[in-house]
């Protein structure tokens, strides 16, 4: 069976029309396939490894800084100072600026402790101590942290 030229032309036109309709008709239920991601390049892998290593170093440095801060500035309570009248005032006022270690390693006369209160007020910005509070603080410091006598030829770094 043989087709005439007209029939062949009609079949060709019909096929072309069907293909055109199919190409233009994309049903709304059909979703395009998600794109396949390309594998990472060696440079991207190296950058990711470097970023991860930097994050680990930063975390380790932060943890070490926190550990050192805890060692250098242990939490103090007023119990570290000798018991006595005005211990609470000394602890509250002095630890606002420094630890008790500087007090505990110092040893001055009453007059020198009194001068030191003026110096800290004038030069270091300490709130001035007035009246009875100042007298009690200076008396406490002079009583519990008096001048020390060191033996002759003693090593000053061991005091």
Protein backbone atom coordinates (compact mmCIF):
# COMPACT_ATOMS: atom_id res chain seq x y z
CA UNK A 1 0.00 0.00 0.00
CA UNK A 2 1.34 3.25 -1.09
CA UNK A 3 0.41 6.75 0.05
CA UNK A 4 -0.17 9.55 -2.34
CA UNK A 5 1.85 12.68 -2.07
CA UNK A 6 -1.10 14.49 -0.62
CA UNK A 7 -1.57 11.90 2.06
CA UNK A 8 2.11 11.94 2.91
CA UNK A 9 1.98 15.69 3.23
CA UNK A 10 -1.08 15.50 5.45
CA UNK A 11 0.54 12.91 7.72
CA UNK A 12 3.69 14.99 7.99
CA UNK A 13 1.69 18.08 8.85
CA UNK A 14 -0.35 16.14 11.41
CA UNK A 15 2.78 14.75 13.07
CA UNK A 16 4.35 18.20 13.17
CA UNK A 17 1.20 19.64 14.70
CA UNK A 18 1.04 16.87 17.34
CA UNK A 19 4.70 17.43 18.22
CA UNK A 20 4.12 21.17 18.49
CA UNK A 21 1.12 20.68 20.79
CA UNK A 22 3.06 18.25 22.94
CA UNK A 23 6.00 20.60 23.17
CA UNK A 24 3.83 23.55 24.17
CA UNK A 25 1.54 21.66 26.55
CA UNK A 26 3.41 21.15 29.84
CA UNK A 27 0.92 19.97 32.40
CA UNK A 28 1.04 21.84 35.75
CA UNK A 29 1.43 18.55 37.64
CA UNK A 30 4.71 17.79 35.95
CA UNK A 31 7.68 19.25 37.86
CA UNK A 32 11.10 19.69 36.43
CA UNK A 33 13.74 17.42 37.87
CA UNK A 34 15.93 19.11 40.46
CA UNK A 35 19.30 20.09 39.15
CA UNK A 36 22.07 17.71 39.99
CA UNK A 37 24.69 19.57 42.06
CA UNK A 38 28.16 19.61 40.74
CA UNK A 39 30.77 17.96 42.94
CA UNK A 40 32.89 20.47 44.91
CA UNK A 41 36.12 21.58 43.36
CA UNK A 42 39.45 20.87 45.08
CA UNK A 43 39.73 24.59 45.92
CA UNK A 44 36.27 24.56 47.55
CA UNK A 45 37.22 21.48 49.58
CA UNK A 46 40.49 23.11 50.70
CA UNK A 47 38.64 26.30 51.70
CA UNK A 48 36.09 24.31 53.69
CA UNK A 49 38.88 22.43 55.50
CA UNK A 50 40.70 25.70 56.27
CA UNK A 51 37.48 27.30 57.58
CA UNK A 52 36.84 24.27 59.80
CA UNK A 53 40.41 24.35 61.15
CA UNK A 54 40.12 28.09 61.86
CA UNK A 55 36.84 27.58 63.72
CA UNK A 56 38.42 24.81 65.81
CA UNK A 57 41.43 27.03 66.62
CA UNK A 58 39.14 29.91 67.61
CA UNK A 59 37.09 27.62 69.87
CA UNK A 60 40.26 26.25 71.49
CA UNK A 61 41.63 29.78 72.01
CA UNK A 62 38.37 30.91 73.61
CA UNK A 63 38.34 27.90 75.94
CA UNK A 64 41.98 28.54 76.91
CA UNK A 65 41.28 32.23 77.57
CA UNK A 66 38.35 31.31 79.81
CA UNK A 67 40.50 28.76 81.66
CA UNK A 68 43.27 31.30 82.21
CA UNK A 69 40.79 33.95 83.36
CA UNK A 70 39.41 31.53 85.93
CA UNK A 71 42.93 30.78 87.19
CA UNK A 72 44.06 34.40 87.24
CA UNK A 73 40.87 35.79 88.78
CA UNK A 74 39.42 33.13 91.01
CA UNK A 75 36.11 34.00 92.57
CA UNK A 76 36.86 35.61 95.91
CA UNK A 77 34.74 35.93 98.99
CA UNK A 78 35.32 38.12 102.00
CA UNK A 79 36.37 35.02 103.95
CA UNK A 80 39.78 35.32 102.31
CA UNK A 81 40.46 38.36 104.53
CA UNK A 82 41.11 37.98 108.28
CA UNK A 83 38.04 38.28 110.50
CA UNK A 84 37.60 41.67 112.09
CA UNK A 85 35.60 44.84 112.27
CA UNK A 86 35.24 46.40 108.78
CA UNK A 87 36.22 43.25 106.86
CA UNK A 88 33.01 43.57 104.81
CA UNK A 89 33.70 47.24 103.98
CA UNK A 90 37.31 46.52 103.01
CA UNK A 91 36.28 43.62 100.78
CA UNK A 92 33.44 45.53 99.10
CA UNK A 93 35.36 48.73 98.48
CA UNK A 94 38.76 47.28 97.57
CA UNK A 95 37.62 44.48 95.27
CA UNK A 96 35.69 46.97 93.18
CA UNK A 97 39.07 47.78 91.56
CA UNK A 98 41.47 44.93 92.36
CA UNK A 99 41.70 41.51 93.99
CA UNK A 100 42.46 40.97 97.65
CA UNK A 101 45.89 39.62 96.72
CA UNK A 102 47.30 43.15 96.54
CA UNK A 103 45.98 43.84 100.05
CA UNK A 104 47.15 40.54 101.50
CA UNK A 105 50.70 40.92 100.20
CA UNK A 106 50.99 44.53 101.41
CA UNK A 107 52.11 45.62 104.83
CA UNK A 108 51.95 49.28 105.85
CA UNK A 109 51.69 51.44 108.91
CA UNK A 110 48.39 53.10 109.76
CA UNK A 111 49.71 56.41 108.40
CA UNK A 112 50.80 54.78 105.13
CA UNK A 113 47.42 53.04 104.70
CA UNK A 114 45.73 56.41 105.28
CA UNK A 115 47.98 58.07 102.65
CA UNK A 116 47.22 55.22 100.27
CA UNK A 117 43.48 55.95 100.55
CA UNK A 118 44.17 59.55 99.42
CA UNK A 119 46.42 58.37 96.58
CA UNK A 120 43.80 55.88 95.32
CA UNK A 121 41.13 58.58 95.44
CA UNK A 122 43.24 61.20 93.64
CA UNK A 123 45.18 59.08 91.16
CA UNK A 124 43.10 55.95 90.64
CA UNK A 125 39.56 57.33 90.77
CA UNK A 126 38.45 55.49 93.90
CA UNK A 127 35.30 56.84 95.55
CA UNK A 128 36.44 58.82 98.59
CA UNK A 129 36.06 57.20 101.98
CA UNK A 130 34.70 59.64 104.53
CA UNK A 131 34.38 59.80 108.31
CA UNK A 132 33.77 56.66 110.31
CA UNK A 133 33.99 54.34 107.27
CA UNK A 134 37.47 55.58 106.42
CA UNK A 135 38.63 55.26 110.03
CA UNK A 136 37.30 51.70 110.29
CA UNK A 137 38.83 50.64 106.93
CA UNK A 138 42.25 52.13 107.75
CA UNK A 139 42.19 50.63 111.27
CA UNK A 140 41.33 47.20 109.87
CA UNK A 141 44.11 47.34 107.27
CA UNK A 142 46.70 48.59 109.79
CA UNK A 143 45.75 45.89 112.30
CA UNK A 144 45.68 42.93 109.90
CA UNK A 145 48.31 44.02 107.35
CA UNK A 146 51.00 45.86 109.37
CA UNK A 147 54.55 46.51 108.12
CA UNK A 148 56.59 43.35 107.82
CA UNK A 149 60.09 42.98 109.05
CA UNK A 150 62.14 40.87 106.73
CA UNK A 151 65.24 39.03 107.89
CA UNK A 152 68.55 40.46 106.79
CA UNK A 153 69.60 39.30 103.30
CA UNK A 154 66.18 37.73 102.71
CA UNK A 155 65.10 37.10 99.16
CA UNK A 156 62.56 39.86 98.35
CA UNK A 157 60.90 37.67 95.73
CA UNK A 158 59.85 35.11 98.34
CA UNK A 159 57.99 37.60 100.53
